[in-house]
Amino acid sequence: MTDPLDLYAPLDEPKPFGDDLWVVDGPVIRMRYGPFKLPFTTRMTVVRLEDGRLWVHSPIRLNETLRSAIDNLGEVAFLVAPNRLHWVYLHHWQLAYPEAQVHAAPGVERHANRGRFRVDEKLGHTPPAGWGDEIGQVLVPGGFMTEAVFFHFASDTVILTDLIENFEAEKIHGSFLRKVMRVGGVVHPHGSTPRDLRLTFLSKRDEVKVAVSRILDWQPKRIVLAHGRLIDADAPQALRAGLAWAGAD
């Protein structure tokens, strides 16, 4: 049976994407969308801070291959759950790295309260002291979820999760799935916030506009996305186009 999406091989291997910044691609997961379960590729980001410790964003499936590769980069100090959809593997990472601090976007704690994992600190508009001098952050608030967006100063990289998705048409198998992705507005080169997700931000339109303006002000050289093709050219333009629905200046 053909996989619904081509993966970004090699998997479970840190791939450099900037100074002291790596992306790691993982397997496909399926998320419920009405009566369907839609496939999504998975990707996490690793930043090595100036003191050698690691900041891990949106941890993916952990296996021995990935754990060995991560340990070769440094000590895992921070695990980051950037929105309420990206926490599934936190429990496994906490078991492997019990000393790491877990920082989570608002809404993630409801899953922690069910005993699946612990949250040490809720993310806000101001980054914690542990990484604030090296990684900026902004919360984009919505009715369904709030996403924490990050900017790694040393590599001029914006780190997004679901605010922009950028699936490549040639990697999508099946006409139905391809049509769903196109209707959703998440197909490269026009990757954007999924249209259904945009609606959930309408209740906080003014706050979202301010948050997106701050993100655009970063003027990044590259953009990491959790789903789809990475952006390493014309990043400010891609960011502005993908978030144009917010009406930010």
C-alpha atoms as a PDB file:
ATOM      1  CA  MET A   1       0.000   0.000   0.000  1.00  0.00           C
ATOM      2  CA  THR A   2       1.369   3.413  -0.982  1.00  0.00           C
ATOM      3  CA  ASP A   3       1.940   5.871   1.839  1.00  0.00           C
ATOM      4  CA  PRO A   4      -0.336   8.925   1.517  1.00  0.00           C
ATOM      5  CA  LEU A   5       2.601  11.332   1.777  1.00  0.00           C
ATOM      6  CA  ASP A   6       6.231  11.001   0.750  1.00  0.00           C
ATOM      7  CA  LEU A   7       8.496  11.427   3.754  1.00  0.00           C
ATOM      8  CA  TYR A   8      11.398  13.854   4.084  1.00  0.00           C
ATOM      9  CA  ALA A   9      14.119  11.220   4.310  1.00  0.00           C
ATOM     10  CA  PRO A  10      16.424  10.555   5.998  1.00  0.00           C
ATOM     11  CA  LEU A  11      14.291  10.185   9.111  1.00  0.00           C
ATOM     12  CA  ASP A  12      15.432  10.374  12.748  1.00  0.00           C
ATOM     13  CA  GLU A  13      18.553  12.274  11.733  1.00  0.00           C
ATOM     14  CA  PRO A  14      19.382  15.886  12.679  1.00  0.00           C
ATOM     15  CA  LYS A  15      19.869  17.892   9.486  1.00  0.00           C
ATOM     16  CA  PRO A  16      21.554  21.314   9.730  1.00  0.00           C
ATOM     17  CA  PHE A  17      19.325  24.232   8.734  1.00  0.00           C
ATOM     18  CA  GLY A  18      21.251  27.137  10.239  1.00  0.00           C
ATOM     19  CA  ASP A  19      23.912  27.978  12.798  1.00  0.00           C
ATOM     20  CA  ASP A  20      23.378  25.574  15.738  1.00  0.00           C
ATOM     21  CA  LEU A  21      19.936  24.652  14.407  1.00  0.00           C
ATOM     22  CA  TRP A  22      18.797  21.280  13.084  1.00  0.00           C
ATOM     23  CA  VAL A  23      15.530  19.815  11.840  1.00  0.00           C
ATOM     24  CA  VAL A  24      14.605  16.168  12.332  1.00  0.00           C
ATOM     25  CA  ASP A  25      11.968  14.561  10.135  1.00  0.00           C
ATOM     26  CA  GLY A  26       9.805  11.726  11.373  1.00  0.00           C
ATOM     27  CA  PRO A  27       7.039   9.413  10.185  1.00  0.00           C
ATOM     28  CA  VAL A  28       3.512  10.278   9.148  1.00  0.00           C
ATOM     29  CA  ILE A  29       0.867  10.655  11.845  1.00  0.00           C
ATOM     30  CA  ARG A  30      -2.879  10.818  11.302  1.00  0.00           C
ATOM     31  CA  MET A  31      -5.096  13.460  12.857  1.00  0.00           C
ATOM     32  CA  ARG A  32      -8.873  13.303  12.986  1.00  0.00           C
ATOM     33  CA  TYR A  33     -10.656  15.834  10.776  1.00  0.00           C
ATOM     34  CA  GLY A  34     -14.406  15.309  10.970  1.00  0.00           C
ATOM     35  CA  PRO A  35     -15.098  11.750   9.794  1.00  0.00           C
ATOM     36  CA  PHE A  36     -11.602  11.413   8.299  1.00  0.00           C
ATOM     37  CA  LYS A  37      -8.095  10.860   9.602  1.00  0.00           C
ATOM     38  CA  LEU A  38      -5.742  12.992   7.546  1.00  0.00           C
ATOM     39  CA  PRO A  39      -2.003  12.244   7.278  1.00  0.00           C
ATOM     40  CA  PHE A  40       0.670  14.746   8.283  1.00  0.00           C
ATOM     41  CA  THR A  41       4.423  14.504   8.034  1.00  0.00           C
ATOM     42  CA  THR A  42       6.196  15.281  11.312  1.00  0.00           C
ATOM     43  CA  ARG A  43       9.231  17.436  12.024  1.00  0.00           C
ATOM     44  CA  MET A  44      10.943  18.810  15.100  1.00  0.00           C
ATOM     45  CA  THR A  45      13.563  21.514  15.541  1.00  0.00           C
ATOM     46  CA  VAL A  46      16.662  21.402  17.730  1.00  0.00           C
ATOM     47  CA  VAL A  47      18.634  24.491  18.756  1.00  0.00           C
ATOM     48  CA  ARG A  48      21.968  24.298  20.547  1.00  0.00           C
ATOM     49  CA  LEU A  49      22.226  27.205  22.952  1.00  0.00           C
ATOM     50  CA  GLU A  50      25.467  29.045  23.639  1.00  0.00           C
ATOM     51  CA  ASP A  51      26.100  26.969  26.771  1.00  0.00           C
ATOM     52  CA  GLY A  52      25.830  23.737  24.757  1.00  0.00           C
ATOM     53  CA  ARG A  53      22.416  22.689  26.035  1.00  0.00           C
ATOM     54  CA  LEU A  54      19.626  21.744  23.640  1.00  0.00           C
ATOM     55  CA  TRP A  55      16.204  23.294  23.063  1.00  0.00           C
ATOM     56  CA  VAL A  56      13.837  20.793  21.420  1.00  0.00           C
ATOM     57  CA  HIS A  57      10.712  22.110  19.676  1.00  0.00           C
ATOM     58  CA  SER A  58       7.710  19.867  18.928  1.00  0.00           C
ATOM     59  CA  PRO A  59       9.395  16.535  19.749  1.00  0.00           C
ATOM     60  CA  ILE A  60       8.638  13.730  17.292  1.00  0.00           C
ATOM     61  CA  ARG A  61       8.653   9.959  17.815  1.00  0.00           C
ATOM     62  CA  LEU A  62      11.697   8.974  19.865  1.00  0.00           C
ATOM     63  CA  ASN A  63      13.666   5.837  19.078  1.00  0.00           C
ATOM     64  CA  GLU A  64      17.208   4.704  19.846  1.00  0.00           C
ATOM     65  CA  THR A  65      18.567   6.053  16.565  1.00  0.00           C
ATOM     66  CA  LEU A  66      17.226   9.529  17.219  1.00  0.00           C
ATOM     67  CA  ARG A  67      18.167   9.488  20.888  1.00  0.00           C
ATOM     68  CA  SER A  68      21.779   8.645  20.063  1.00  0.00           C
ATOM     69  CA  ALA A  69      21.927  11.425  17.474  1.00  0.00           C
ATOM     70  CA  ILE A  70      20.452  13.961  19.899  1.00  0.00           C
ATOM     71  CA  ASP A  71      22.854  12.961  22.667  1.00  0.00           C
ATOM     72  CA  ASN A  72      25.741  13.586  20.288  1.00  0.00           C
ATOM     73  CA  LEU A  73      24.562  17.186  19.869  1.00  0.00           C
ATOM     74  CA  GLY A  74      24.368  18.035  23.565  1.00  0.00           C
ATOM     75  CA  GLU A  75      22.299  17.815  26.740  1.00  0.00           C
ATOM     76  CA  VAL A  76      18.534  18.155  26.310  1.00  0.00           C
ATOM     77  CA  ALA A  77      17.518  21.024  28.600  1.00  0.00           C
ATOM     78  CA  PHE A  78      14.162  22.211  27.227  1.00  0.00           C
ATOM     79  CA  LEU A  79      11.226  20.418  25.620  1.00  0.00           C
ATOM     80  CA  VAL A  80       8.727  22.737  23.927  1.00  0.00           C
ATOM     81  CA  ALA A  81       5.095  21.954  23.056  1.00  0.00           C
ATOM     82  CA  PRO A  82       4.160  24.928  20.813  1.00  0.00           C
ATOM     83  CA  ASN A  83       0.411  24.300  20.568  1.00  0.00           C
ATOM     84  CA  ARG A  84      -2.285  21.907  21.761  1.00  0.00           C
ATOM     85  CA  LEU A  85      -1.760  19.565  18.795  1.00  0.00           C
ATOM     86  CA  HIS A  86       1.968  19.006  19.261  1.00  0.00           C
ATOM     87  CA  TRP A  87       2.455  17.188  22.555  1.00  0.00           C
ATOM     88  CA  VAL A  88       1.872  13.512  21.664  1.00  0.00           C
ATOM     89  CA  TYR A  89       5.459  12.341  22.191  1.00  0.00           C
ATOM     90  CA  LEU A  90       6.303  14.460  25.251  1.00  0.00           C
ATOM     91  CA  HIS A  91       5.777  11.542  27.631  1.00  0.00           C
ATOM     92  CA  HIS A  92       8.462   9.478  25.884  1.00  0.00           C
ATOM     93  CA  TRP A  93      10.914  12.362  25.852  1.00  0.00           C
ATOM     94  CA  GLN A  94      10.340  13.043  29.542  1.00  0.00           C
ATOM     95  CA  LEU A  95      11.110   9.437  30.361  1.00  0.00           C
ATOM     96  CA  ALA A  96      14.341   9.675  28.368  1.00  0.00           C
ATOM     97  CA  TYR A  97      15.303  13.140  29.691  1.00  0.00           C
ATOM     98  CA  PRO A  98      13.717  13.542  33.136  1.00  0.00           C
ATOM     99  CA  GLU A  99      15.803  16.628  33.970  1.00  0.00           C
ATOM    100  CA  ALA A 100      14.617  18.581  30.931  1.00  0.00           C
ATOM    101  CA  GLN A 101      12.147  21.410  31.567  1.00  0.00           C
ATOM    102  CA  VAL A 102       8.859  21.239  29.684  1.00  0.00           C
ATOM    103  CA  HIS A 103       7.435  24.522  28.368  1.00  0.00           C
ATOM    104  CA  ALA A 104       4.007  24.360  26.764  1.00  0.00           C
ATOM    105  CA  ALA A 105       1.594  26.685  25.003  1.00  0.00           C
ATOM    106  CA  PRO A 106      -1.735  27.431  26.695  1.00  0.00           C
ATOM    107  CA  GLY A 107      -4.119  24.518  26.265  1.00  0.00           C
ATOM    108  CA  VAL A 108      -1.498  21.786  26.413  1.00  0.00           C
ATOM    109  CA  GLU A 109      -1.812  21.511  30.184  1.00  0.00           C
ATOM    110  CA  ARG A 110      -5.221  19.845  29.906  1.00  0.00           C
ATOM    111  CA  HIS A 111      -3.467  16.799  28.460  1.00  0.00           C
ATOM    112  CA  ALA A 112      -0.816  16.911  31.174  1.00  0.00           C
ATOM    113  CA  ASN A 113      -3.558  16.973  33.796  1.00  0.00           C
ATOM    114  CA  ARG A 114      -4.632  13.538  32.601  1.00  0.00           C
ATOM    115  CA  GLY A 115      -1.335  12.180  33.835  1.00  0.00           C
ATOM    116  CA  ARG A 116       0.359  11.854  30.475  1.00  0.00           C
ATOM    117  CA  PHE A 117       3.253  14.202  31.194  1.00  0.00           C
ATOM    118  CA  ARG A 118       4.131  17.238  33.293  1.00  0.00           C
ATOM    119  CA  VAL A 119       4.359  20.888  32.271  1.00  0.00           C
ATOM    120  CA  ASP A 120       6.925  22.961  34.143  1.00  0.00           C
ATOM    121  CA  GLU A 121       6.013  26.343  32.682  1.00  0.00           C
ATOM    122  CA  LYS A 122       3.297  27.750  30.434  1.00  0.00           C
ATOM    123  CA  LEU A 123       4.628  29.747  27.496  1.00  0.00           C
ATOM    124  CA  GLY A 124       3.830  33.467  27.381  1.00  0.00           C
ATOM    125  CA  HIS A 125       4.758  36.475  25.283  1.00  0.00           C
ATOM    126  CA  THR A 126       8.046  36.831  27.175  1.00  0.00           C
ATOM    127  CA  PRO A 127      10.563  34.003  26.729  1.00  0.00           C
ATOM    128  CA  PRO A 128      11.936  32.381  29.884  1.00  0.00           C
ATOM    129  CA  ALA A 129      15.405  33.251  31.137  1.00  0.00           C
ATOM    130  CA  GLY A 130      16.749  29.891  29.984  1.00  0.00           C
ATOM    131  CA  TRP A 131      16.660  30.884  26.325  1.00  0.00           C
ATOM    132  CA  GLY A 132      15.350  34.464  26.147  1.00  0.00           C
ATOM    133  CA  ASP A 133      18.674  35.967  25.039  1.00  0.00           C
ATOM    134  CA  GLU A 134      18.891  33.565  22.094  1.00  0.00           C
ATOM    135  CA  ILE A 135      15.327  32.728  21.055  1.00  0.00           C
ATOM    136  CA  GLY A 136      12.474  35.216  20.852  1.00  0.00           C
ATOM    137  CA  GLN A 137       8.842  34.171  21.062  1.00  0.00           C
ATOM    138  CA  VAL A 138       5.349  35.434  20.321  1.00  0.00           C
ATOM    139  CA  LEU A 139       1.991  33.887  21.201  1.00  0.00           C
ATOM    140  CA  VAL A 140      -0.660  33.887  18.476  1.00  0.00           C
ATOM    141  CA  PRO A 141      -3.945  33.413  20.381  1.00  0.00           C
ATOM    142  CA  GLY A 142      -6.986  31.671  18.969  1.00  0.00           C
ATOM    143  CA  GLY A 143     -10.267  30.141  20.021  1.00  0.00           C
ATOM    144  CA  PHE A 144      -9.257  26.550  19.274  1.00  0.00           C
ATOM    145  CA  MET A 145      -5.573  26.871  20.073  1.00  0.00           C
ATOM    146  CA  THR A 146      -2.763  29.285  20.762  1.00  0.00           C
ATOM    147  CA  GLU A 147       0.505  28.777  18.922  1.00  0.00           C
ATOM    148  CA  ALA A 148       3.874  29.897  20.239  1.00  0.00           C
ATOM    149  CA  VAL A 149       6.113  31.122  17.421  1.00  0.00           C
ATOM    150  CA  PHE A 150       9.875  31.368  17.904  1.00  0.00           C
ATOM    151  CA  PHE A 151      12.811  33.199  16.332  1.00  0.00           C
ATOM    152  CA  HIS A 152      16.367  31.908  16.670  1.00  0.00           C
ATOM    153  CA  PHE A 153      18.523  35.008  16.544  1.00  0.00           C
ATOM    154  CA  ALA A 154      21.845  33.358  15.609  1.00  0.00           C
ATOM    155  CA  SER A 155      20.473  31.718  12.471  1.00  0.00           C
ATOM    156  CA  ASP A 156      17.744  34.266  11.619  1.00  0.00           C
ATOM    157  CA  THR A 157      15.194  31.445  11.612  1.00  0.00           C
ATOM    158  CA  VAL A 158      11.481  31.627  12.403  1.00  0.00           C
ATOM    159  CA  ILE A 159      10.151  28.366  13.851  1.00  0.00           C
ATOM    160  CA  LEU A 160       6.483  27.691  13.110  1.00  0.00           C
ATOM    161  CA  THR A 161       4.280  24.700  13.778  1.00  0.00           C
ATOM    162  CA  ASP A 162       0.812  24.857  12.192  1.00  0.00           C
ATOM    163  CA  LEU A 163       0.527  28.572  11.367  1.00  0.00           C
ATOM    164  CA  ILE A 164       1.951  27.810   7.935  1.00  0.00           C
ATOM    165  CA  GLU A 165       1.782  24.391   6.282  1.00  0.00           C
ATOM    166  CA  ASN A 166       3.493  23.887   2.930  1.00  0.00           C
ATOM    167  CA  PHE A 167       2.856  20.444   1.441  1.00  0.00           C
ATOM    168  CA  GLU A 168       4.370  19.692  -1.962  1.00  0.00           C
ATOM    169  CA  ALA A 169       1.808  18.433  -4.481  1.00  0.00           C
ATOM    170  CA  GLU A 170       4.152  15.787  -5.871  1.00  0.00           C
ATOM    171  CA  LYS A 171       4.526  14.282  -2.389  1.00  0.00           C
ATOM    172  CA  ILE A 172       0.753  13.923  -1.906  1.00  0.00           C
ATOM    173  CA  HIS A 173      -0.698  10.635  -3.158  1.00  0.00           C
ATOM    174  CA  GLY A 174      -4.351  10.335  -4.059  1.00  0.00           C
ATOM    175  CA  SER A 175      -6.608  12.863  -5.744  1.00  0.00           C
ATOM    176  CA  PHE A 176      -8.887  13.224  -2.707  1.00  0.00           C
ATOM    177  CA  LEU A 177      -6.061  14.115  -0.328  1.00  0.00           C
ATOM    178  CA  ARG A 178      -4.496  16.448  -2.871  1.00  0.00           C
ATOM    179  CA  LYS A 179      -7.817  18.251  -3.301  1.00  0.00           C
ATOM    180  CA  VAL A 180      -8.289  18.570   0.472  1.00  0.00           C
ATOM    181  CA  MET A 181      -4.829  20.114   0.796  1.00  0.00           C
ATOM    182  CA  ARG A 182      -5.455  22.574  -2.037  1.00  0.00           C
ATOM    183  CA  VAL A 183      -8.830  23.636  -0.668  1.00  0.00           C
ATOM    184  CA  GLY A 184      -7.178  24.047   2.716  1.00  0.00           C
ATOM    185  CA  GLY A 185      -4.639  26.466   1.246  1.00  0.00           C
ATOM    186  CA  VAL A 186      -1.580  24.504   2.346  1.00  0.00           C
ATOM    187  CA  VAL A 187       0.077  23.421  -0.920  1.00  0.00           C
ATOM    188  CA  HIS A 188       3.513  24.748  -1.947  1.00  0.00           C
ATOM    189  CA  PRO A 189       4.345  27.364  -3.188  1.00  0.00           C
ATOM    190  CA  HIS A 190       1.276  28.935  -1.600  1.00  0.00           C
ATOM    191  CA  GLY A 191       1.634  27.448   1.880  1.00  0.00           C
ATOM    192  CA  SER A 192      -0.436  29.219   4.498  1.00  0.00           C
ATOM    193  CA  THR A 193      -2.461  28.713   7.649  1.00  0.00           C
ATOM    194  CA  PRO A 194      -5.075  25.997   6.987  1.00  0.00           C
ATOM    195  CA  ARG A 195      -8.347  27.740   6.171  1.00  0.00           C
ATOM    196  CA  ASP A 196     -10.296  25.940   8.893  1.00  0.00           C
ATOM    197  CA  LEU A 197      -7.676  26.934  11.456  1.00  0.00           C
ATOM    198  CA  ARG A 198      -7.817  30.600  10.410  1.00  0.00           C
ATOM    199  CA  LEU A 199     -11.459  30.715  11.463  1.00  0.00           C
ATOM    200  CA  THR A 200     -10.521  29.824  15.029  1.00  0.00           C
ATOM    201  CA  PHE A 201      -8.415  32.994  15.305  1.00  0.00           C
ATOM    202  CA  LEU A 202     -11.264  35.344  14.371  1.00  0.00           C
ATOM    203  CA  SER A 203     -12.450  35.697  17.966  1.00  0.00           C
ATOM    204  CA  LYS A 204      -9.126  37.360  18.830  1.00  0.00           C
ATOM    205  CA  ARG A 205      -8.524  39.159  15.565  1.00  0.00           C
ATOM    206  CA  ASP A 206      -6.912  42.286  17.074  1.00  0.00           C
ATOM    207  CA  GLU A 207      -4.507  40.293  19.252  1.00  0.00           C
ATOM    208  CA  VAL A 208      -3.620  38.054  16.324  1.00  0.00           C
ATOM    209  CA  LYS A 209      -2.881  41.072  14.135  1.00  0.00           C
ATOM    210  CA  VAL A 210      -0.470  42.480  16.719  1.00  0.00           C
ATOM    211  CA  ALA A 211       1.230  39.105  17.186  1.00  0.00           C
ATOM    212  CA  VAL A 212       1.662  38.535  13.454  1.00  0.00           C
ATOM    213  CA  SER A 213       3.087  42.051  13.059  1.00  0.00           C
ATOM    214  CA  ARG A 214       5.769  41.172  15.601  1.00  0.00           C
ATOM    215  CA  ILE A 215       6.565  37.977  13.703  1.00  0.00           C
ATOM    216  CA  LEU A 216       6.861  39.825  10.386  1.00  0.00           C
ATOM    217  CA  ASP A 217       9.231  42.328  12.007  1.00  0.00           C
ATOM    218  CA  TRP A 218      11.772  39.545  12.525  1.00  0.00           C
ATOM    219  CA  GLN A 219      12.556  39.491   8.772  1.00  0.00           C
ATOM    220  CA  PRO A 220      13.976  35.948   8.843  1.00  0.00           C
ATOM    221  CA  LYS A 221      16.369  34.311   6.397  1.00  0.00           C
ATOM    222  CA  ARG A 222      14.607  30.964   6.696  1.00  0.00           C
ATOM    223  CA  ILE A 223      11.468  29.363   8.137  1.00  0.00           C
ATOM    224  CA  VAL A 224      11.042  25.970   9.757  1.00  0.00           C
ATOM    225  CA  LEU A 225       7.601  24.399   9.384  1.00  0.00           C
ATOM    226  CA  ALA A 226       6.326  21.273  11.119  1.00  0.00           C
ATOM    227  CA  HIS A 227       4.489  20.125   7.987  1.00  0.00           C
ATOM    228  CA  GLY A 228       5.773  20.370   4.439  1.00  0.00           C
ATOM    229  CA  ARG A 229       8.623  21.994   2.589  1.00  0.00           C
ATOM    230  CA  LEU A 230      11.044  24.177   4.523  1.00  0.00           C
ATOM    231  CA  ILE A 231      11.497  27.770   3.377  1.00  0.00           C
ATOM    232  CA  ASP A 232      15.081  28.905   2.814  1.00  0.00           C
ATOM    233  CA  ALA A 233      14.613  31.602   0.159  1.00  0.00           C
ATOM    234  CA  ASP A 234      12.587  34.822   0.193  1.00  0.00           C
ATOM    235  CA  ALA A 235      11.514  33.998   3.742  1.00  0.00           C
ATOM    236  CA  PRO A 236      10.084  37.437   4.650  1.00  0.00           C
ATOM    237  CA  GLN A 237       7.872  37.382   1.552  1.00  0.00           C
ATOM    238  CA  ALA A 238       6.741  33.810   2.211  1.00  0.00           C
ATOM    239  CA  LEU A 239       5.945  34.693   5.808  1.00  0.00           C
ATOM    240  CA  ARG A 240       3.928  37.743   4.810  1.00  0.00           C
ATOM    241  CA  ALA A 241       2.026  35.821   2.118  1.00  0.00           C
ATOM    242  CA  GLY A 242       1.302  32.846   4.355  1.00  0.00           C
ATOM    243  CA  LEU A 243      -0.053  35.047   7.142  1.00  0.00           C
ATOM    244  CA  ALA A 244      -1.753  37.677   4.956  1.00  0.00           C
ATOM    245  CA  TRP A 245      -5.182  36.617   6.258  1.00  0.00           C
ATOM    246  CA  ALA A 246      -4.307  38.200   9.627  1.00  0.00           C
ATOM    247  CA  GLY A 247      -4.258  41.692   8.094  1.00  0.00           C
ATOM    248  CA  ALA A 248      -1.023  42.673   9.832  1.00  0.00           C
ATOM    249  CA  ASP A 249       1.081  45.596   8.659  1.00  0.00           C
END
